[in-house]
Amino acid sequence: KYSLARTNGLVNELDDIGGDVGIHGVVDGLESFIDN
């Protein structure tokens, strides 16, 4: 997907694909972020 986006000009050569993605919780006391 990243390579296709580069080809189509949606990202440039200086843009990193990113990483460190997953599932995590919230800081204690901010669970209303999920409800809202």
PDB file of all heavy atoms in Angstrom:
ATOM      1  N   LYS A   1       0.834  -1.203   0.000  1.00  0.00           N
ATOM      2  CA  LYS A   1       0.000   0.000   0.000  1.00  0.00           C
ATOM      3  C   LYS A   1       0.872   1.257   0.000  1.00  0.00           C
ATOM      4  O   LYS A   1       0.569   2.236  -0.695  1.00  0.00           O
ATOM      5  CB  LYS A   1      -0.910   0.010   1.229  1.00  0.00           C
ATOM      6  CG  LYS A   1      -2.016  -1.031   1.204  1.00  0.00           C
ATOM      7  CD  LYS A   1      -2.863  -0.901   2.471  1.00  0.00           C
ATOM      8  CE  LYS A   1      -3.986  -1.911   2.502  1.00  0.00           C
ATOM      9  NZ  LYS A   1      -4.818  -1.781   3.733  1.00  0.00           N
ATOM     10  N   TYR A   2       1.928   1.224   0.793  1.00  0.00           N
ATOM     11  CA  TYR A   2       2.835   2.368   0.877  1.00  0.00           C
ATOM     12  C   TYR A   2       3.495   2.639  -0.472  1.00  0.00           C
ATOM     13  O   TYR A   2       3.574   3.788  -0.927  1.00  0.00           O
ATOM     14  CB  TYR A   2       3.885   2.094   1.948  1.00  0.00           C
ATOM     15  CG  TYR A   2       4.942   3.163   2.090  1.00  0.00           C
ATOM     16  CD1 TYR A   2       4.674   4.355   2.757  1.00  0.00           C
ATOM     17  CD2 TYR A   2       6.228   2.964   1.577  1.00  0.00           C
ATOM     18  CE1 TYR A   2       5.656   5.327   2.903  1.00  0.00           C
ATOM     19  CE2 TYR A   2       7.215   3.931   1.726  1.00  0.00           C
ATOM     20  CZ  TYR A   2       6.920   5.109   2.389  1.00  0.00           C
ATOM     21  OH  TYR A   2       7.897   6.065   2.527  1.00  0.00           O
ATOM     22  N   SER A   3       3.955   1.588  -1.131  1.00  0.00           N
ATOM     23  CA  SER A   3       4.593   1.741  -2.445  1.00  0.00           C
ATOM     24  C   SER A   3       3.614   2.299  -3.469  1.00  0.00           C
ATOM     25  O   SER A   3       3.970   3.168  -4.277  1.00  0.00           O
ATOM     26  CB  SER A   3       5.137   0.391  -2.919  1.00  0.00           C
ATOM     27  OG  SER A   3       6.150  -0.081  -2.056  1.00  0.00           O
ATOM     28  N   LEU A   4       2.359   1.821  -3.429  1.00  0.00           N
ATOM     29  CA  LEU A   4       1.349   2.325  -4.353  1.00  0.00           C
ATOM     30  C   LEU A   4       1.059   3.796  -4.064  1.00  0.00           C
ATOM     31  O   LEU A   4       0.900   4.602  -4.999  1.00  0.00           O
ATOM     32  CB  LEU A   4       0.073   1.493  -4.226  1.00  0.00           C
ATOM     33  CG  LEU A   4      -1.078   1.875  -5.151  1.00  0.00           C
ATOM     34  CD1 LEU A   4      -0.656   1.730  -6.614  1.00  0.00           C
ATOM     35  CD2 LEU A   4      -2.310   1.008  -4.866  1.00  0.00           C
ATOM     36  N   ALA A   5       1.008   4.156  -2.788  1.00  0.00           N
ATOM     37  CA  ALA A   5       0.771   5.554  -2.435  1.00  0.00           C
ATOM     38  C   ALA A   5       1.923   6.441  -2.904  1.00  0.00           C
ATOM     39  O   ALA A   5       1.713   7.570  -3.358  1.00  0.00           O
ATOM     40  CB  ALA A   5       0.584   5.684  -0.921  1.00  0.00           C
ATOM     41  N   ARG A   6       3.163   5.930  -2.811  1.00  0.00           N
ATOM     42  CA  ARG A   6       4.319   6.673  -3.326  1.00  0.00           C
ATOM     43  C   ARG A   6       4.182   6.882  -4.829  1.00  0.00           C
ATOM     44  O   ARG A   6       4.411   7.985  -5.345  1.00  0.00           O
ATOM     45  CB  ARG A   6       5.605   5.898  -3.022  1.00  0.00           C
ATOM     46  CG  ARG A   6       6.090   5.929  -1.588  1.00  0.00           C
ATOM     47  CD  ARG A   6       6.948   7.152  -1.288  1.00  0.00           C
ATOM     48  NE  ARG A   6       8.105   7.240  -2.150  1.00  0.00           N
ATOM     49  CZ  ARG A   6       9.303   6.720  -1.873  1.00  0.00           C
ATOM     50  NH1 ARG A   6       9.486   6.069  -0.725  1.00  0.00           N
ATOM     51  NH2 ARG A   6      10.312   6.875  -2.692  1.00  0.00           N
ATOM     52  N   THR A   7       3.809   5.818  -5.529  1.00  0.00           N
ATOM     53  CA  THR A   7       3.662   5.892  -6.985  1.00  0.00           C
ATOM     54  C   THR A   7       2.601   6.910  -7.387  1.00  0.00           C
ATOM     55  O   THR A   7       2.758   7.634  -8.377  1.00  0.00           O
ATOM     56  CB  THR A   7       3.289   4.505  -7.557  1.00  0.00           C
ATOM     57  OG1 THR A   7       4.322   3.576  -7.237  1.00  0.00           O
ATOM     58  CG2 THR A   7       3.091   4.565  -9.067  1.00  0.00           C
ATOM     59  N   ASN A   8       1.530   6.969  -6.590  1.00  0.00           N
ATOM     60  CA  ASN A   8       0.415   7.861  -6.914  1.00  0.00           C
ATOM     61  C   ASN A   8       0.604   9.266  -6.343  1.00  0.00           C
ATOM     62  O   ASN A   8      -0.295  10.109  -6.462  1.00  0.00           O
ATOM     63  CB  ASN A   8      -0.900   7.272  -6.397  1.00  0.00           C
ATOM     64  CG  ASN A   8      -1.299   6.017  -7.152  1.00  0.00           C
ATOM     65  OD1 ASN A   8      -0.932   5.833  -8.305  1.00  0.00           O
ATOM     66  ND2 ASN A   8      -2.064   5.145  -6.493  1.00  0.00           N
ATOM     67  N   GLY A   9       1.760   9.512  -5.715  1.00  0.00           N
ATOM     68  CA  GLY A   9       2.048  10.837  -5.202  1.00  0.00           C
ATOM     69  C   GLY A   9       1.337  11.200  -3.915  1.00  0.00           C
ATOM     70  O   GLY A   9       1.285  12.372  -3.533  1.00  0.00           O
ATOM     71  N   LEU A  10       0.793  10.199  -3.226  1.00  0.00           N
ATOM     72  CA  LEU A  10       0.079  10.458  -1.975  1.00  0.00           C
ATOM     73  C   LEU A  10       1.030  10.596  -0.793  1.00  0.00           C
ATOM     74  O   LEU A  10       0.671  11.189   0.229  1.00  0.00           O
ATOM     75  CB  LEU A  10      -0.940   9.341  -1.713  1.00  0.00           C
ATOM     76  CG  LEU A  10      -2.016   9.181  -2.790  1.00  0.00           C
ATOM     77  CD1 LEU A  10      -2.919   8.001  -2.472  1.00  0.00           C
ATOM     78  CD2 LEU A  10      -2.844  10.463  -2.904  1.00  0.00           C
ATOM     79  N   VAL A  11       2.206  10.010  -0.914  1.00  0.00           N
ATOM     80  CA  VAL A  11       3.263  10.201   0.078  1.00  0.00           C
ATOM     81  C   VAL A  11       4.551  10.489  -0.693  1.00  0.00           C
ATOM     82  O   VAL A  11       4.698  10.070  -1.844  1.00  0.00           O
ATOM     83  CB  VAL A  11       3.441   8.967   0.999  1.00  0.00           C
ATOM     84  CG1 VAL A  11       2.176   8.705   1.806  1.00  0.00           C
ATOM     85  CG2 VAL A  11       3.829   7.730   0.192  1.00  0.00           C
ATOM     86  N   ASN A  12       5.475  11.203  -0.060  1.00  0.00           N
ATOM     87  CA  ASN A  12       6.722  11.504  -0.742  1.00  0.00           C
ATOM     88  C   ASN A  12       7.853  10.645  -0.192  1.00  0.00           C
ATOM     89  O   ASN A  12       7.677   9.899   0.779  1.00  0.00           O
ATOM     90  CB  ASN A  12       7.049  13.001  -0.667  1.00  0.00           C
ATOM     91  CG  ASN A  12       7.258  13.474   0.756  1.00  0.00           C
ATOM     92  OD1 ASN A  12       8.056  12.898   1.498  1.00  0.00           O
ATOM     93  ND2 ASN A  12       6.553  14.544   1.145  1.00  0.00           N
ATOM     94  N   GLU A  13       9.009  10.770  -0.790  1.00  0.00           N
ATOM     95  CA  GLU A  13      10.130   9.904  -0.447  1.00  0.00           C
ATOM     96  C   GLU A  13      10.656  10.140   0.963  1.00  0.00           C
ATOM     97  O   GLU A  13      11.360   9.300   1.517  1.00  0.00           O
ATOM     98  CB  GLU A  13      11.255  10.089  -1.459  1.00  0.00           C
ATOM     99  CG  GLU A  13      11.801  11.501  -1.522  1.00  0.00           C
ATOM    100  CD  GLU A  13      12.884  11.658  -2.576  1.00  0.00           C
ATOM    101  OE1 GLU A  13      13.031  10.733  -3.402  1.00  0.00           O
ATOM    102  OE2 GLU A  13      13.568  12.690  -2.572  1.00  0.00           O
ATOM    103  N   LEU A  14      10.310  11.254   1.545  1.00  0.00           N
ATOM    104  CA  LEU A  14      10.752  11.553   2.906  1.00  0.00           C
ATOM    105  C   LEU A  14       9.784  11.032   3.967  1.00  0.00           C
ATOM    106  O   LEU A  14      10.097  11.048   5.157  1.00  0.00           O
ATOM    107  CB  LEU A  14      10.933  13.061   3.085  1.00  0.00           C
ATOM    108  CG  LEU A  14      11.990  13.717   2.189  1.00  0.00           C
ATOM    109  CD1 LEU A  14      12.046  15.211   2.461  1.00  0.00           C
ATOM    110  CD2 LEU A  14      13.359  13.072   2.400  1.00  0.00           C
ATOM    111  N   ASP A  15       8.604  10.582   3.527  1.00  0.00           N
ATOM    112  CA  ASP A  15       7.602  10.081   4.467  1.00  0.00           C
ATOM    113  C   ASP A  15       7.937   8.662   4.893  1.00  0.00           C
ATOM    114  O   ASP A  15       8.134   7.783   4.048  1.00  0.00           O
ATOM    115  CB  ASP A  15       6.206  10.096   3.833  1.00  0.00           C
ATOM    116  CG  ASP A  15       5.659  11.498   3.665  1.00  0.00           C
ATOM    117  OD1 ASP A  15       5.941  12.344   4.530  1.00  0.00           O
ATOM    118  OD2 ASP A  15       4.962  11.753   2.661  1.00  0.00           O
ATOM    119  N   ASP A  16       7.983   8.431   6.196  1.00  0.00           N
ATOM    120  CA  ASP A  16       8.219   7.098   6.734  1.00  0.00           C
ATOM    121  C   ASP A  16       6.894   6.359   6.846  1.00  0.00           C
ATOM    122  O   ASP A  16       5.854   6.964   7.094  1.00  0.00           O
ATOM    123  CB  ASP A  16       8.879   7.215   8.104  1.00  0.00           C
ATOM    124  CG  ASP A  16       9.367   5.868   8.619  1.00  0.00           C
ATOM    125  OD1 ASP A  16       8.577   5.186   9.282  1.00  0.00           O
ATOM    126  OD2 ASP A  16      10.524   5.515   8.362  1.00  0.00           O
ATOM    127  N   ILE A  17       6.927   5.044   6.686  1.00  0.00           N
ATOM    128  CA  ILE A  17       5.699   4.255   6.750  1.00  0.00           C
ATOM    129  C   ILE A  17       5.147   4.171   8.168  1.00  0.00           C
ATOM    130  O   ILE A  17       3.965   3.942   8.376  1.00  0.00           O
ATOM    131  CB  ILE A  17       5.931   2.842   6.171  1.00  0.00           C
ATOM    132  CG1 ILE A  17       4.588   2.117   5.961  1.00  0.00           C
ATOM    133  CG2 ILE A  17       6.869   2.044   7.058  1.00  0.00           C
ATOM    134  CD1 ILE A  17       4.730   0.799   5.214  1.00  0.00           C
ATOM    135  N   GLY A  18       5.988   4.357   9.164  1.00  0.00           N
ATOM    136  CA  GLY A  18       5.533   4.306  10.549  1.00  0.00           C
ATOM    137  C   GLY A  18       5.667   2.915  11.146  1.00  0.00           C
ATOM    138  O   GLY A  18       6.183   1.988  10.523  1.00  0.00           O
ATOM    139  N   GLY A  19       5.210   2.767  12.361  1.00  0.00           N
ATOM    140  CA  GLY A  19       5.299   1.492  13.058  1.00  0.00           C
ATOM    141  C   GLY A  19       4.773   1.614  14.472  1.00  0.00           C
ATOM    142  O   GLY A  19       4.127   2.607  14.828  1.00  0.00           O
ATOM    143  N   ASP A  20       5.057   0.604  15.301  1.00  0.00           N
ATOM    144  CA  ASP A  20       4.619   0.591  16.700  1.00  0.00           C
ATOM    145  C   ASP A  20       3.107   0.740  16.821  1.00  0.00           C
ATOM    146  O   ASP A  20       2.600   1.532  17.625  1.00  0.00           O
ATOM    147  CB  ASP A  20       5.305   1.694  17.505  1.00  0.00           C
ATOM    148  CG  ASP A  20       6.818   1.570  17.496  1.00  0.00           C
ATOM    149  OD1 ASP A  20       7.307   0.437  17.408  1.00  0.00           O
ATOM    150  OD2 ASP A  20       7.501   2.613  17.561  1.00  0.00           O
ATOM    151  N   VAL A  21       2.394  -0.019  16.030  1.00  0.00           N
ATOM    152  CA  VAL A  21       0.932   0.028  16.037  1.00  0.00           C
ATOM    153  C   VAL A  21       0.400  -1.230  16.704  1.00  0.00           C
ATOM    154  O   VAL A  21       0.921  -2.329  16.485  1.00  0.00           O
ATOM    155  CB  VAL A  21       0.371   0.144  14.602  1.00  0.00           C
ATOM    156  CG1 VAL A  21      -1.153   0.104  14.617  1.00  0.00           C
ATOM    157  CG2 VAL A  21       0.867   1.416  13.932  1.00  0.00           C
ATOM    158  N   GLY A  22      -0.622  -1.072  17.501  1.00  0.00           N
ATOM    159  CA  GLY A  22      -1.216  -2.224  18.161  1.00  0.00           C
ATOM    160  C   GLY A  22      -2.456  -1.833  18.935  1.00  0.00           C
ATOM    161  O   GLY A  22      -3.147  -0.866  18.591  1.00  0.00           O
ATOM    162  N   ILE A  23      -2.734  -2.579  19.998  1.00  0.00           N
ATOM    163  CA  ILE A  23      -3.906  -2.342  20.850  1.00  0.00           C
ATOM    164  C   ILE A  23      -3.409  -1.996  22.245  1.00  0.00           C
ATOM    165  O   ILE A  23      -2.570  -2.707  22.804  1.00  0.00           O
ATOM    166  CB  ILE A  23      -4.807  -3.587  20.913  1.00  0.00           C
ATOM    167  CG1 ILE A  23      -5.261  -4.011  19.505  1.00  0.00           C
ATOM    168  CG2 ILE A  23      -6.029  -3.320  21.805  1.00  0.00           C
ATOM    169  CD1 ILE A  23      -5.997  -5.347  19.479  1.00  0.00           C
ATOM    170  N   HIS A  24      -3.929  -0.911  22.806  1.00  0.00           N
ATOM    171  CA  HIS A  24      -3.564  -0.549  24.173  1.00  0.00           C
ATOM    172  C   HIS A  24      -4.767   0.035  24.887  1.00  0.00           C
ATOM    173  O   HIS A  24      -5.838   0.237  24.302  1.00  0.00           O
ATOM    174  CB  HIS A  24      -2.372   0.406  24.205  1.00  0.00           C
ATOM    175  CG  HIS A  24      -2.570   1.708  23.489  1.00  0.00           C
ATOM    176  ND1 HIS A  24      -3.506   2.643  23.875  1.00  0.00           N
ATOM    177  CD2 HIS A  24      -1.933   2.243  22.410  1.00  0.00           C
ATOM    178  CE1 HIS A  24      -3.430   3.697  23.076  1.00  0.00           C
ATOM    179  NE2 HIS A  24      -2.486   3.476  22.173  1.00  0.00           N
ATOM    180  N   GLY A  25      -4.575   0.341  26.173  1.00  0.00           N
ATOM    181  CA  GLY A  25      -5.658   0.882  26.981  1.00  0.00           C
ATOM    182  C   GLY A  25      -5.640   2.393  27.001  1.00  0.00           C
ATOM    183  O   GLY A  25      -5.209   3.053  26.047  1.00  0.00           O
ATOM    184  N   VAL A  26      -6.115   2.960  28.105  1.00  0.00           N
ATOM    185  CA  VAL A  26      -6.128   4.408  28.306  1.00  0.00           C
ATOM    186  C   VAL A  26      -5.483   4.710  29.647  1.00  0.00           C
ATOM    187  O   VAL A  26      -5.318   3.822  30.484  1.00  0.00           O
ATOM    188  CB  VAL A  26      -7.569   4.977  28.279  1.00  0.00           C
ATOM    189  CG1 VAL A  26      -8.202   4.788  26.928  1.00  0.00           C
ATOM    190  CG2 VAL A  26      -8.431   4.324  29.366  1.00  0.00           C
ATOM    191  N   VAL A  27      -5.120   5.959  29.836  1.00  0.00           N
ATOM    192  CA  VAL A  27      -4.632   6.381  31.141  1.00  0.00           C
ATOM    193  C   VAL A  27      -5.771   6.255  32.143  1.00  0.00           C
ATOM    194  O   VAL A  27      -6.925   6.567  31.835  1.00  0.00           O
ATOM    195  CB  VAL A  27      -4.123   7.833  31.082  1.00  0.00           C
ATOM    196  CG1 VAL A  27      -3.701   8.315  32.457  1.00  0.00           C
ATOM    197  CG2 VAL A  27      -2.961   7.935  30.104  1.00  0.00           C
ATOM    198  N   ASP A  28      -5.478   5.790  33.346  1.00  0.00           N
ATOM    199  CA  ASP A  28      -6.509   5.644  34.371  1.00  0.00           C
ATOM    200  C   ASP A  28      -7.301   6.935  34.532  1.00  0.00           C
ATOM    201  O   ASP A  28      -6.740   8.028  34.633  1.00  0.00           O
ATOM    202  CB  ASP A  28      -5.869   5.276  35.718  1.00  0.00           C
ATOM    203  CG  ASP A  28      -5.356   3.845  35.743  1.00  0.00           C
ATOM    204  OD1 ASP A  28      -5.799   3.038  34.904  1.00  0.00           O
ATOM    205  OD2 ASP A  28      -4.515   3.541  36.605  1.00  0.00           O
ATOM    206  N   GLY A  29      -8.617   6.802  34.537  1.00  0.00           N
ATOM    207  CA  GLY A  29      -9.484   7.955  34.696  1.00  0.00           C
ATOM    208  C   GLY A  29     -10.021   8.507  33.399  1.00  0.00           C
ATOM    209  O   GLY A  29     -10.896   9.380  33.413  1.00  0.00           O
ATOM    210  N   LEU A  30      -9.517   8.015  32.257  1.00  0.00           N
ATOM    211  CA  LEU A  30      -9.950   8.541  30.961  1.00  0.00           C
ATOM    212  C   LEU A  30     -10.698   7.513  30.131  1.00  0.00           C
ATOM    213  O   LEU A  30     -10.713   7.593  28.900  1.00  0.00           O
ATOM    214  CB  LEU A  30      -8.742   9.072  30.181  1.00  0.00           C
ATOM    215  CG  LEU A  30      -8.003  10.232  30.827  1.00  0.00           C
ATOM    216  CD1 LEU A  30      -6.870  10.699  29.939  1.00  0.00           C
ATOM    217  CD2 LEU A  30      -8.954  11.389  31.143  1.00  0.00           C
ATOM    218  N   GLU A  31     -11.352   6.562  30.772  1.00  0.00           N
ATOM    219  CA  GLU A  31     -12.071   5.532  30.015  1.00  0.00           C
ATOM    220  C   GLU A  31     -13.314   6.096  29.333  1.00  0.00           C
ATOM    221  O   GLU A  31     -13.877   5.467  28.437  1.00  0.00           O
ATOM    222  CB  GLU A  31     -12.401   4.361  30.920  1.00  0.00           C
ATOM    223  CG  GLU A  31     -11.138   3.708  31.467  1.00  0.00           C
ATOM    224  CD  GLU A  31     -11.333   2.261  31.873  1.00  0.00           C
ATOM    225  OE1 GLU A  31     -12.499   1.840  31.964  1.00  0.00           O
ATOM    226  OE2 GLU A  31     -10.323   1.572  32.075  1.00  0.00           O
ATOM    227  N   SER A  32     -13.733   7.285  29.719  1.00  0.00           N
ATOM    228  CA  SER A  32     -14.855   7.938  29.031  1.00  0.00           C
ATOM    229  C   SER A  32     -14.510   8.227  27.572  1.00  0.00           C
ATOM    230  O   SER A  32     -15.413   8.404  26.748  1.00  0.00           O
ATOM    231  CB  SER A  32     -15.236   9.240  29.736  1.00  0.00           C
ATOM    232  OG  SER A  32     -14.150  10.160  29.728  1.00  0.00           O
ATOM    233  N   PHE A  33     -13.205   8.276  27.252  1.00  0.00           N
ATOM    234  CA  PHE A  33     -12.812   8.453  25.849  1.00  0.00           C
ATOM    235  C   PHE A  33     -13.375   7.332  24.990  1.00  0.00           C
ATOM    236  O   PHE A  33     -13.723   7.546  23.826  1.00  0.00           O
ATOM    237  CB  PHE A  33     -11.286   8.497  25.734  1.00  0.00           C
ATOM    238  CG  PHE A  33     -10.685   9.843  25.990  1.00  0.00           C
ATOM    239  CD1 PHE A  33     -11.193  10.686  26.972  1.00  0.00           C
ATOM    240  CD2 PHE A  33      -9.597  10.277  25.263  1.00  0.00           C
ATOM    241  CE1 PHE A  33     -10.645  11.926  27.215  1.00  0.00           C
ATOM    242  CE2 PHE A  33      -9.031  11.526  25.495  1.00  0.00           C
ATOM    243  CZ  PHE A  33      -9.557  12.349  26.469  1.00  0.00           C
ATOM    244  N   ILE A  34     -13.456   6.146  25.543  1.00  0.00           N
ATOM    245  CA  ILE A  34     -13.989   5.013  24.791  1.00  0.00           C
ATOM    246  C   ILE A  34     -15.503   5.138  24.671  1.00  0.00           C
ATOM    247  O   ILE A  34     -16.072   4.973  23.583  1.00  0.00           O
ATOM    248  CB  ILE A  34     -13.611   3.678  25.473  1.00  0.00           C
ATOM    249  CG1 ILE A  34     -12.113   3.628  25.781  1.00  0.00           C
ATOM    250  CG2 ILE A  34     -14.028   2.498  24.589  1.00  0.00           C
ATOM    251  CD1 ILE A  34     -11.206   3.752  24.586  1.00  0.00           C
ATOM    252  N   ASP A  35     -16.172   5.446  25.781  1.00  0.00           N
ATOM    253  CA  ASP A  35     -17.627   5.603  25.757  1.00  0.00           C
ATOM    254  C   ASP A  35     -18.061   6.704  24.796  1.00  0.00           C
ATOM    255  O   ASP A  35     -19.085   6.592  24.119  1.00  0.00           O
ATOM    256  CB  ASP A  35     -18.151   5.931  27.165  1.00  0.00           C
ATOM    257  CG  ASP A  35     -17.975   4.781  28.134  1.00  0.00           C
ATOM    258  OD1 ASP A  35     -18.098   3.611  27.702  1.00  0.00           O
ATOM    259  OD2 ASP A  35     -17.711   5.044  29.322  1.00  0.00           O
ATOM    260  N   ASN A  36     -17.270   7.776  24.753  1.00  0.00           N
ATOM    261  CA  ASN A  36     -17.633   8.932  23.928  1.00  0.00           C
ATOM    262  C   ASN A  36     -17.142   8.836  22.482  1.00  0.00           C
ATOM    263  O   ASN A  36     -17.298   9.784  21.718  1.00  0.00           O
ATOM    264  CB  ASN A  36     -17.064  10.211  24.554  1.00  0.00           C
ATOM    265  CG  ASN A  36     -17.703  10.533  25.889  1.00  0.00           C
ATOM    266  OD1 ASN A  36     -18.801  10.068  26.180  1.00  0.00           O
ATOM    267  ND2 ASN A  36     -17.025  11.312  26.710  1.00  0.00           N
TER     268      ASN A  36
END
